[in-house]
N, C-alpha and C. Protein backbone atom coordinates (compact mmCIF):
# COMPACT_ATOMS: atom_id res chain seq x y z
N MET A 1 4.44 -3.11 9.37
CA MET A 1 3.85 -3.24 8.06
C MET A 1 4.07 -4.64 7.49
N LEU A 2 5.28 -5.19 7.62
CA LEU A 2 5.58 -6.51 7.07
C LEU A 2 4.75 -7.60 7.73
N LYS A 3 4.50 -7.48 9.02
CA LYS A 3 3.71 -8.49 9.73
C LYS A 3 2.27 -8.52 9.25
N ARG A 4 1.76 -7.40 8.74
CA ARG A 4 0.42 -7.40 8.19
C ARG A 4 0.37 -8.19 6.88
N LEU A 5 1.44 -8.11 6.11
CA LEU A 5 1.52 -8.87 4.86
C LEU A 5 1.75 -10.35 5.13
N ASN A 6 2.55 -10.65 6.14
CA ASN A 6 2.88 -12.03 6.46
C ASN A 6 3.07 -12.15 7.97
N PRO A 7 2.06 -12.63 8.70
CA PRO A 7 2.14 -12.69 10.16
C PRO A 7 3.29 -13.54 10.71
N ALA A 8 3.82 -14.47 9.92
CA ALA A 8 4.92 -15.32 10.39
C ALA A 8 6.28 -14.65 10.24
N THR A 9 6.32 -13.44 9.70
CA THR A 9 7.58 -12.71 9.55
C THR A 9 8.15 -12.36 10.92
N ILE A 10 9.46 -12.51 11.03
CA ILE A 10 10.16 -12.18 12.27
C ILE A 10 11.06 -10.97 12.01
N GLU A 11 10.90 -9.95 12.80
CA GLU A 11 11.78 -8.78 12.74
C GLU A 11 12.56 -8.73 14.04
N THR A 12 13.88 -8.64 13.94
CA THR A 12 14.71 -8.63 15.14
C THR A 12 15.98 -7.84 14.86
N VAL A 13 16.79 -7.68 15.86
CA VAL A 13 18.08 -7.01 15.73
C VAL A 13 19.12 -7.99 16.26
N ASP A 14 20.21 -8.19 15.48
CA ASP A 14 21.23 -9.12 15.93
C ASP A 14 22.19 -8.46 16.92
N GLY A 15 23.19 -9.20 17.38
CA GLY A 15 24.13 -8.69 18.39
C GLY A 15 24.96 -7.51 17.92
N ASP A 16 25.07 -7.32 16.59
CA ASP A 16 25.84 -6.20 16.05
C ASP A 16 24.97 -4.98 15.76
N GLY A 17 23.68 -5.08 16.09
CA GLY A 17 22.77 -3.96 15.87
C GLY A 17 22.15 -3.94 14.48
N ASN A 18 22.37 -4.99 13.69
CA ASN A 18 21.78 -5.06 12.35
C ASN A 18 20.34 -5.52 12.43
N LYS A 19 19.45 -4.83 11.71
CA LYS A 19 18.04 -5.24 11.69
C LYS A 19 17.90 -6.42 10.74
N LEU A 20 17.24 -7.46 11.22
CA LEU A 20 17.00 -8.66 10.41
C LEU A 20 15.51 -8.84 10.22
N VAL A 21 15.12 -9.17 9.01
CA VAL A 21 13.74 -9.49 8.69
C VAL A 21 13.76 -10.88 8.07
N MET A 22 13.09 -11.82 8.71
CA MET A 22 13.05 -13.19 8.21
C MET A 22 11.61 -13.59 7.97
N SER A 23 11.39 -14.23 6.83
CA SER A 23 10.05 -14.64 6.46
C SER A 23 10.12 -16.07 5.93
N PRO A 24 9.16 -16.91 6.27
CA PRO A 24 9.20 -18.31 5.83
C PRO A 24 9.17 -18.44 4.31
N VAL A 25 10.05 -19.27 3.77
CA VAL A 25 10.14 -19.44 2.32
C VAL A 25 8.82 -19.95 1.74
N ALA A 26 8.10 -20.79 2.47
CA ALA A 26 6.83 -21.33 1.98
C ALA A 26 5.74 -20.25 1.92
N ALA A 27 5.96 -19.13 2.59
CA ALA A 27 4.98 -18.04 2.59
C ALA A 27 5.40 -16.89 1.68
N THR A 28 6.61 -16.93 1.15
CA THR A 28 7.07 -15.81 0.35
C THR A 28 7.41 -16.15 -1.09
N ALA A 29 7.69 -17.41 -1.39
CA ALA A 29 8.00 -17.80 -2.78
C ALA A 29 6.79 -17.50 -3.67
N GLN A 30 7.04 -16.91 -4.83
CA GLN A 30 5.94 -16.62 -5.74
C GLN A 30 5.28 -17.92 -6.20
N ARG A 31 6.08 -18.93 -6.45
CA ARG A 31 5.56 -20.26 -6.78
C ARG A 31 6.35 -21.30 -6.02
N MET A 32 5.66 -22.39 -5.67
CA MET A 32 6.30 -23.48 -4.93
C MET A 32 5.73 -24.80 -5.44
N GLY A 33 6.63 -25.71 -5.73
CA GLY A 33 6.22 -27.04 -6.16
C GLY A 33 6.85 -28.08 -5.25
N VAL A 34 6.11 -29.12 -4.91
CA VAL A 34 6.61 -30.19 -4.06
C VAL A 34 6.22 -31.51 -4.70
N LYS A 35 7.18 -32.42 -4.82
CA LYS A 35 6.89 -33.73 -5.40
C LYS A 35 7.81 -34.77 -4.76
N GLU A 36 7.48 -36.04 -5.01
CA GLU A 36 8.32 -37.13 -4.53
C GLU A 36 9.69 -37.01 -5.17
N LYS A 37 10.74 -37.21 -4.39
CA LYS A 37 12.10 -37.16 -4.91
C LYS A 37 12.27 -38.24 -5.97
N GLY A 38 12.86 -37.87 -7.11
CA GLY A 38 13.12 -38.81 -8.18
C GLY A 38 11.91 -39.16 -9.03
N SER A 39 10.82 -38.38 -8.90
CA SER A 39 9.60 -38.70 -9.65
C SER A 39 9.65 -38.22 -11.09
N GLY A 40 10.75 -37.63 -11.50
CA GLY A 40 10.92 -37.24 -12.90
C GLY A 40 10.49 -35.81 -13.18
N SER A 41 11.00 -35.30 -14.28
CA SER A 41 10.73 -33.90 -14.63
C SER A 41 9.32 -33.67 -15.14
N GLY A 42 8.64 -34.73 -15.58
CA GLY A 42 7.28 -34.57 -16.10
C GLY A 42 6.21 -34.51 -15.03
N SER A 43 6.55 -34.84 -13.79
CA SER A 43 5.53 -34.84 -12.74
C SER A 43 5.26 -33.44 -12.23
N LYS A 44 4.03 -33.23 -11.76
CA LYS A 44 3.62 -31.92 -11.25
C LYS A 44 4.38 -31.59 -9.96
N GLY A 45 4.66 -30.31 -9.78
CA GLY A 45 5.30 -29.87 -8.55
C GLY A 45 6.75 -29.48 -8.73
N GLY A 46 7.17 -29.23 -9.94
CA GLY A 46 8.55 -28.82 -10.21
C GLY A 46 8.58 -27.81 -11.33
N MET A 47 9.65 -27.84 -12.10
CA MET A 47 9.77 -26.95 -13.25
C MET A 47 8.83 -27.41 -14.36
N ASN A 48 8.34 -26.46 -15.16
CA ASN A 48 7.50 -26.83 -16.29
C ASN A 48 8.36 -27.43 -17.40
N ALA A 49 7.74 -27.87 -18.49
CA ALA A 49 8.46 -28.55 -19.57
C ALA A 49 9.54 -27.68 -20.20
N ASN A 50 9.35 -26.37 -20.22
CA ASN A 50 10.35 -25.46 -20.79
C ASN A 50 11.44 -25.08 -19.79
N CYS A 51 11.31 -25.51 -18.56
CA CYS A 51 12.25 -25.16 -17.48
C CYS A 51 12.40 -23.66 -17.31
N ASP A 52 11.30 -22.91 -17.48
CA ASP A 52 11.39 -21.47 -17.31
C ASP A 52 10.49 -20.94 -16.19
N GLU A 53 9.72 -21.83 -15.56
CA GLU A 53 8.95 -21.41 -14.39
C GLU A 53 8.55 -22.63 -13.57
N VAL A 54 8.28 -22.38 -12.31
CA VAL A 54 7.87 -23.43 -11.38
C VAL A 54 6.35 -23.58 -11.47
N GLU A 55 5.89 -24.82 -11.50
CA GLU A 55 4.45 -25.08 -11.48
C GLU A 55 4.00 -25.14 -10.03
N GLU A 56 3.07 -24.27 -9.66
CA GLU A 56 2.54 -24.25 -8.30
C GLU A 56 1.79 -25.54 -8.04
N ASN A 57 2.27 -26.35 -7.10
CA ASN A 57 1.60 -27.59 -6.78
C ASN A 57 2.13 -28.12 -5.45
N CYS A 58 1.33 -28.01 -4.42
CA CYS A 58 1.68 -28.50 -3.09
C CYS A 58 0.71 -29.57 -2.62
N LEU A 59 0.05 -30.24 -3.57
CA LEU A 59 -0.95 -31.26 -3.23
C LEU A 59 -0.39 -32.32 -2.29
N ILE A 60 0.86 -32.67 -2.45
CA ILE A 60 1.48 -33.73 -1.66
C ILE A 60 1.56 -33.37 -0.18
N LEU A 61 1.38 -32.09 0.15
CA LEU A 61 1.48 -31.65 1.54
C LEU A 61 0.20 -31.90 2.34
N GLY A 62 -0.88 -32.27 1.67
CA GLY A 62 -2.10 -32.59 2.41
C GLY A 62 -3.35 -31.96 1.84
N ASN A 63 -4.48 -32.35 2.43
CA ASN A 63 -5.80 -31.92 1.95
C ASN A 63 -5.99 -30.41 1.96
N GLU A 64 -5.35 -29.71 2.89
CA GLU A 64 -5.54 -28.26 2.95
C GLU A 64 -4.92 -27.54 1.75
N PHE A 65 -4.18 -28.28 0.90
CA PHE A 65 -3.59 -27.69 -0.30
C PHE A 65 -4.35 -28.10 -1.56
N ILE A 66 -5.54 -28.71 -1.36
CA ILE A 66 -6.39 -29.12 -2.46
C ILE A 66 -7.59 -28.18 -2.51
N SER A 67 -7.86 -27.62 -3.68
CA SER A 67 -9.00 -26.71 -3.83
C SER A 67 -10.30 -27.52 -3.89
N LYS A 68 -11.42 -26.82 -3.84
CA LYS A 68 -12.73 -27.48 -3.91
C LYS A 68 -12.92 -28.24 -5.22
N SER A 69 -12.22 -27.79 -6.26
CA SER A 69 -12.32 -28.47 -7.55
C SER A 69 -11.38 -29.66 -7.66
N GLY A 70 -10.59 -29.92 -6.61
CA GLY A 70 -9.67 -31.05 -6.61
C GLY A 70 -8.29 -30.75 -7.14
N LEU A 71 -8.06 -29.52 -7.55
CA LEU A 71 -6.76 -29.11 -8.06
C LEU A 71 -5.94 -28.47 -6.93
N ALA A 72 -4.68 -28.19 -7.22
CA ALA A 72 -3.84 -27.51 -6.23
C ALA A 72 -4.36 -26.10 -5.97
N ILE A 73 -4.27 -25.64 -4.73
CA ILE A 73 -4.66 -24.26 -4.42
C ILE A 73 -3.70 -23.30 -5.12
N SER A 74 -4.09 -22.07 -5.26
CA SER A 74 -3.27 -21.07 -5.94
C SER A 74 -2.08 -20.67 -5.06
N SER A 75 -1.10 -20.03 -5.68
CA SER A 75 0.06 -19.55 -4.92
C SER A 75 -0.37 -18.52 -3.88
N GLU A 76 -1.37 -17.69 -4.20
CA GLU A 76 -1.85 -16.69 -3.25
C GLU A 76 -2.45 -17.37 -2.01
N GLN A 77 -3.22 -18.43 -2.24
CA GLN A 77 -3.81 -19.17 -1.12
C GLN A 77 -2.72 -19.85 -0.28
N ARG A 78 -1.73 -20.45 -0.96
CA ARG A 78 -0.64 -21.11 -0.23
C ARG A 78 0.16 -20.11 0.60
N LYS A 79 0.47 -18.94 0.01
CA LYS A 79 1.23 -17.93 0.75
C LYS A 79 0.45 -17.45 1.98
N LYS A 80 -0.84 -17.24 1.82
CA LYS A 80 -1.66 -16.80 2.96
C LYS A 80 -1.69 -17.88 4.04
N LYS A 81 -1.91 -19.12 3.63
CA LYS A 81 -1.98 -20.24 4.58
C LYS A 81 -0.64 -20.43 5.30
N MET A 82 0.47 -20.40 4.57
CA MET A 82 1.79 -20.64 5.17
C MET A 82 2.34 -19.40 5.88
N GLY A 83 1.65 -18.28 5.75
CA GLY A 83 2.01 -17.08 6.49
C GLY A 83 1.43 -17.07 7.90
N GLU A 84 0.56 -18.01 8.19
CA GLU A 84 -0.03 -18.12 9.52
C GLU A 84 0.82 -19.07 10.36
N LYS A 85 1.28 -18.58 11.50
CA LYS A 85 2.17 -19.38 12.35
C LYS A 85 1.56 -20.74 12.71
N LYS A 86 0.27 -20.77 12.99
CA LYS A 86 -0.39 -22.01 13.37
C LYS A 86 -0.28 -23.04 12.24
N GLU A 87 -0.57 -22.63 11.03
CA GLU A 87 -0.50 -23.53 9.87
C GLU A 87 0.95 -23.90 9.57
N LEU A 88 1.82 -22.93 9.62
CA LEU A 88 3.23 -23.16 9.32
C LEU A 88 3.84 -24.21 10.25
N GLY A 89 3.42 -24.19 11.51
CA GLY A 89 3.93 -25.13 12.50
C GLY A 89 3.56 -26.57 12.24
N LYS A 90 2.57 -26.80 11.37
CA LYS A 90 2.15 -28.16 11.04
C LYS A 90 3.06 -28.82 10.00
N HIS A 91 3.94 -28.05 9.39
CA HIS A 91 4.72 -28.54 8.26
C HIS A 91 6.23 -28.40 8.52
N SER A 92 6.98 -29.28 7.90
CA SER A 92 8.44 -29.18 7.91
C SER A 92 8.95 -29.73 6.59
N PHE A 93 10.17 -29.38 6.24
CA PHE A 93 10.75 -29.89 5.01
C PHE A 93 11.25 -31.31 5.25
N GLU A 94 10.95 -32.20 4.33
CA GLU A 94 11.30 -33.60 4.46
C GLU A 94 12.31 -33.98 3.38
N THR A 95 13.26 -34.83 3.72
CA THR A 95 14.31 -35.20 2.76
C THR A 95 13.80 -36.07 1.62
N GLY A 96 12.67 -36.74 1.77
CA GLY A 96 12.13 -37.59 0.72
C GLY A 96 11.35 -36.83 -0.35
N LEU A 97 11.21 -35.53 -0.17
CA LEU A 97 10.48 -34.71 -1.13
C LEU A 97 11.42 -33.74 -1.82
N GLU A 98 11.05 -33.34 -3.01
CA GLU A 98 11.83 -32.36 -3.77
C GLU A 98 11.03 -31.06 -3.82
N TYR A 99 11.66 -29.98 -3.40
CA TYR A 99 11.00 -28.67 -3.34
C TYR A 99 11.60 -27.76 -4.40
N THR A 100 10.75 -27.06 -5.13
CA THR A 100 11.21 -26.10 -6.12
C THR A 100 10.52 -24.77 -5.82
N PHE A 101 11.32 -23.71 -5.79
CA PHE A 101 10.79 -22.38 -5.45
C PHE A 101 11.09 -21.41 -6.58
N GLU A 102 10.19 -20.45 -6.76
CA GLU A 102 10.42 -19.37 -7.72
C GLU A 102 10.27 -18.06 -6.97
N PHE A 103 11.29 -17.22 -7.09
CA PHE A 103 11.28 -15.92 -6.43
C PHE A 103 11.48 -14.82 -7.46
N TYR A 104 10.76 -13.78 -7.34
CA TYR A 104 11.00 -12.56 -8.11
C TYR A 104 10.39 -11.41 -7.34
N ASN A 105 10.82 -10.23 -7.66
CA ASN A 105 10.36 -9.08 -6.90
C ASN A 105 10.36 -7.87 -7.81
N HIS A 106 9.26 -7.18 -7.89
CA HIS A 106 9.16 -5.98 -8.72
C HIS A 106 9.55 -4.71 -7.95
N LEU A 107 9.81 -4.83 -6.68
CA LEU A 107 10.11 -3.65 -5.87
C LEU A 107 11.60 -3.34 -5.80
N PHE A 108 12.45 -4.38 -5.85
CA PHE A 108 13.89 -4.18 -5.72
C PHE A 108 14.58 -4.62 -7.01
N ASP A 109 15.41 -3.73 -7.56
CA ASP A 109 16.19 -4.05 -8.76
C ASP A 109 17.64 -4.28 -8.34
N PRO A 110 18.10 -5.54 -8.34
CA PRO A 110 19.46 -5.82 -7.89
C PRO A 110 20.54 -5.26 -8.80
N CYS A 111 20.21 -5.00 -10.07
CA CYS A 111 21.21 -4.43 -10.98
C CYS A 111 21.56 -2.99 -10.60
N SER A 112 20.54 -2.21 -10.27
CA SER A 112 20.76 -0.80 -9.93
C SER A 112 20.80 -0.56 -8.42
N PHE A 113 20.34 -1.56 -7.63
CA PHE A 113 20.20 -1.43 -6.18
C PHE A 113 19.25 -0.30 -5.82
N HIS A 114 18.16 -0.21 -6.57
CA HIS A 114 17.12 0.77 -6.29
C HIS A 114 15.86 0.05 -5.85
N LEU A 115 15.16 0.66 -4.90
CA LEU A 115 13.92 0.13 -4.35
C LEU A 115 12.78 1.01 -4.80
N ASN A 116 11.75 0.41 -5.38
CA ASN A 116 10.57 1.13 -5.80
C ASN A 116 9.72 1.38 -4.56
N VAL A 117 9.51 2.65 -4.22
CA VAL A 117 8.77 3.02 -3.02
C VAL A 117 7.35 3.42 -3.41
N VAL A 118 6.40 2.57 -3.09
CA VAL A 118 4.98 2.80 -3.30
C VAL A 118 4.66 3.20 -4.75
N GLY A 119 5.44 2.74 -5.70
CA GLY A 119 5.18 3.01 -7.10
C GLY A 119 5.32 4.46 -7.50
N MET A 120 5.83 5.30 -6.60
CA MET A 120 5.90 6.73 -6.89
C MET A 120 7.33 7.20 -7.15
N THR A 121 8.28 6.63 -6.47
CA THR A 121 9.66 7.06 -6.59
C THR A 121 10.56 5.87 -6.30
N THR A 122 11.84 6.05 -6.48
CA THR A 122 12.78 4.98 -6.13
C THR A 122 13.76 5.49 -5.09
N CYS A 123 14.27 4.56 -4.32
CA CYS A 123 15.25 4.87 -3.29
C CYS A 123 16.54 4.14 -3.65
N ASP A 124 17.65 4.84 -3.66
CA ASP A 124 18.94 4.22 -3.93
C ASP A 124 19.40 3.52 -2.65
N VAL A 125 19.35 2.21 -2.64
CA VAL A 125 19.66 1.42 -1.45
C VAL A 125 21.12 1.60 -1.03
N VAL A 126 22.03 1.79 -1.97
CA VAL A 126 23.45 2.00 -1.61
C VAL A 126 23.60 3.24 -0.73
N ASN A 127 22.83 4.29 -1.02
CA ASN A 127 22.90 5.50 -0.19
C ASN A 127 22.37 5.26 1.22
N VAL A 128 21.53 4.25 1.39
CA VAL A 128 20.95 3.95 2.70
C VAL A 128 21.83 3.00 3.49
N ILE A 129 22.29 1.92 2.86
CA ILE A 129 23.05 0.90 3.60
C ILE A 129 24.56 1.03 3.45
N GLY A 130 25.01 1.90 2.54
CA GLY A 130 26.44 2.09 2.37
C GLY A 130 27.13 0.81 1.94
N GLN A 131 28.14 0.41 2.71
CA GLN A 131 28.94 -0.76 2.35
C GLN A 131 28.39 -2.07 2.93
N GLN A 132 27.26 -2.00 3.59
CA GLN A 132 26.67 -3.23 4.13
C GLN A 132 26.04 -4.03 2.99
N PRO A 133 26.06 -5.34 3.08
CA PRO A 133 25.42 -6.16 2.04
C PRO A 133 23.94 -6.35 2.33
N ILE A 134 23.23 -6.76 1.32
CA ILE A 134 21.88 -7.28 1.49
C ILE A 134 22.06 -8.78 1.63
N ARG A 135 21.52 -9.36 2.69
CA ARG A 135 21.69 -10.79 2.93
C ARG A 135 20.45 -11.55 2.48
N LEU A 136 20.69 -12.61 1.77
CA LEU A 136 19.65 -13.53 1.35
C LEU A 136 20.00 -14.87 1.98
N MET A 137 19.12 -15.38 2.82
CA MET A 137 19.49 -16.60 3.52
C MET A 137 18.28 -17.48 3.77
N ALA A 138 18.58 -18.73 4.05
CA ALA A 138 17.58 -19.68 4.52
C ALA A 138 18.13 -20.23 5.82
N LYS A 139 17.31 -20.21 6.85
CA LYS A 139 17.77 -20.57 8.18
C LYS A 139 16.75 -21.49 8.85
N VAL A 140 17.27 -22.50 9.55
CA VAL A 140 16.43 -23.36 10.37
C VAL A 140 16.43 -22.73 11.76
N LEU A 141 15.35 -22.06 12.13
CA LEU A 141 15.34 -21.24 13.34
C LEU A 141 15.52 -22.05 14.62
N ASP A 142 14.84 -23.19 14.72
CA ASP A 142 14.91 -23.92 15.99
C ASP A 142 16.28 -24.58 16.21
N LYS A 143 17.09 -24.70 15.16
CA LYS A 143 18.44 -25.26 15.29
C LYS A 143 19.51 -24.19 15.13
N ASP A 144 19.10 -22.98 14.76
CA ASP A 144 20.01 -21.87 14.49
C ASP A 144 21.08 -22.27 13.46
N GLU A 145 20.64 -22.97 12.41
CA GLU A 145 21.52 -23.40 11.33
C GLU A 145 21.12 -22.70 10.04
N TYR A 146 22.11 -22.39 9.22
CA TYR A 146 21.85 -21.77 7.93
C TYR A 146 21.89 -22.83 6.84
N LEU A 147 20.91 -22.80 5.93
CA LEU A 147 20.96 -23.64 4.75
C LEU A 147 21.81 -22.96 3.68
N TRP A 148 21.64 -21.64 3.55
CA TRP A 148 22.53 -20.83 2.74
C TRP A 148 22.48 -19.41 3.26
N ASP A 149 23.54 -18.68 2.98
CA ASP A 149 23.64 -17.29 3.44
C ASP A 149 24.47 -16.53 2.41
N LEU A 150 23.81 -15.77 1.57
CA LEU A 150 24.47 -15.01 0.51
C LEU A 150 24.48 -13.53 0.87
N GLU A 151 25.57 -12.88 0.56
CA GLU A 151 25.65 -11.44 0.75
C GLU A 151 25.77 -10.79 -0.61
N MET A 152 24.88 -9.82 -0.87
CA MET A 152 24.86 -9.16 -2.17
C MET A 152 25.28 -7.70 -1.98
N PHE A 153 26.32 -7.31 -2.72
CA PHE A 153 26.83 -5.94 -2.71
C PHE A 153 26.60 -5.34 -4.10
N HIS A 154 26.59 -4.04 -4.16
CA HIS A 154 26.60 -3.35 -5.45
C HIS A 154 27.97 -2.73 -5.60
N GLU A 155 28.51 -2.72 -6.82
CA GLU A 155 29.85 -2.20 -7.04
C GLU A 155 30.00 -0.76 -6.57
N ARG A 156 28.93 0.02 -6.57
CA ARG A 156 29.01 1.40 -6.10
C ARG A 156 29.37 1.48 -4.62
N ALA A 157 29.07 0.43 -3.84
CA ALA A 157 29.44 0.42 -2.42
C ALA A 157 30.96 0.43 -2.28
N PHE A 158 31.65 -0.24 -3.18
CA PHE A 158 33.12 -0.25 -3.14
C PHE A 158 33.67 1.09 -3.57
N ASN A 159 32.99 1.75 -4.49
CA ASN A 159 33.39 3.10 -4.89
C ASN A 159 33.24 4.06 -3.72
N LEU A 160 32.21 3.88 -2.89
CA LEU A 160 32.03 4.70 -1.69
C LEU A 160 33.21 4.53 -0.76
N ARG A 161 33.67 3.28 -0.59
CA ARG A 161 34.79 3.01 0.31
C ARG A 161 36.05 3.73 -0.16
N GLY A 162 36.29 3.70 -1.48
CA GLY A 162 37.48 4.37 -2.00
C GLY A 162 37.43 5.86 -1.75
N LYS A 163 36.26 6.46 -1.88
CA LYS A 163 36.11 7.90 -1.65
C LYS A 163 36.28 8.23 -0.18
N GLU A 164 35.72 7.35 0.71
CA GLU A 164 35.85 7.59 2.15
C GLU A 164 37.30 7.50 2.61
N GLU A 165 38.09 6.66 1.93
CA GLU A 165 39.50 6.49 2.31
C GLU A 165 40.37 7.55 1.64
N GLY A 166 39.74 8.44 0.87
CA GLY A 166 40.48 9.52 0.25
C GLY A 166 41.17 9.12 -1.05
N GLY A 167 40.83 7.95 -1.56
CA GLY A 167 41.50 7.48 -2.77
C GLY A 167 40.69 7.60 -4.02
N GLY A 168 39.55 8.27 -3.97
CA GLY A 168 38.70 8.38 -5.14
C GLY A 168 38.16 7.02 -5.53
N GLU A 169 38.06 6.78 -6.82
CA GLU A 169 37.54 5.51 -7.31
C GLU A 169 38.57 4.41 -7.08
N ASN A 170 38.11 3.25 -6.63
CA ASN A 170 39.02 2.11 -6.46
C ASN A 170 39.46 1.59 -7.81
N LYS A 171 40.70 1.20 -7.89
CA LYS A 171 41.25 0.57 -9.10
C LYS A 171 40.97 -0.92 -9.03
N LYS A 172 40.65 -1.51 -10.16
CA LYS A 172 40.38 -2.94 -10.20
C LYS A 172 41.63 -3.70 -10.57
């Protein structure tokens, strides 16, 4: 199902048997801005003037990111384009450019650790993954290097551990 949404998504299992789903940041960010490093906060391709959202602008990446009207293509067009392996392979992150990404998700609520399933019901993720974390990472695949790797737990997972060890709720 995920590959239909984004063909560049990689689904695999690591050496410990954990299922991994990796998707290119340029194909999944809700908004992406790219500009010359040091070009100032007023230039297109970064945060807006209120610093509360990213302005979608990838014009600096080439003609394929320019619409017929001469403006930047929409985030939907960029995500579709960067979700294609052939197109994705034409681009790489460069140190002379500044990249700004905006991520949000209406399906997963990190406060409650509930997943909205097809808009009909919710699934308690803690009951599914137990004490395992949800990993959020950025990885350079061809070098097998991580740019960042965050593990997100919900406090209820620690309460599960206390109950499994026969100690009831863990004391803080």
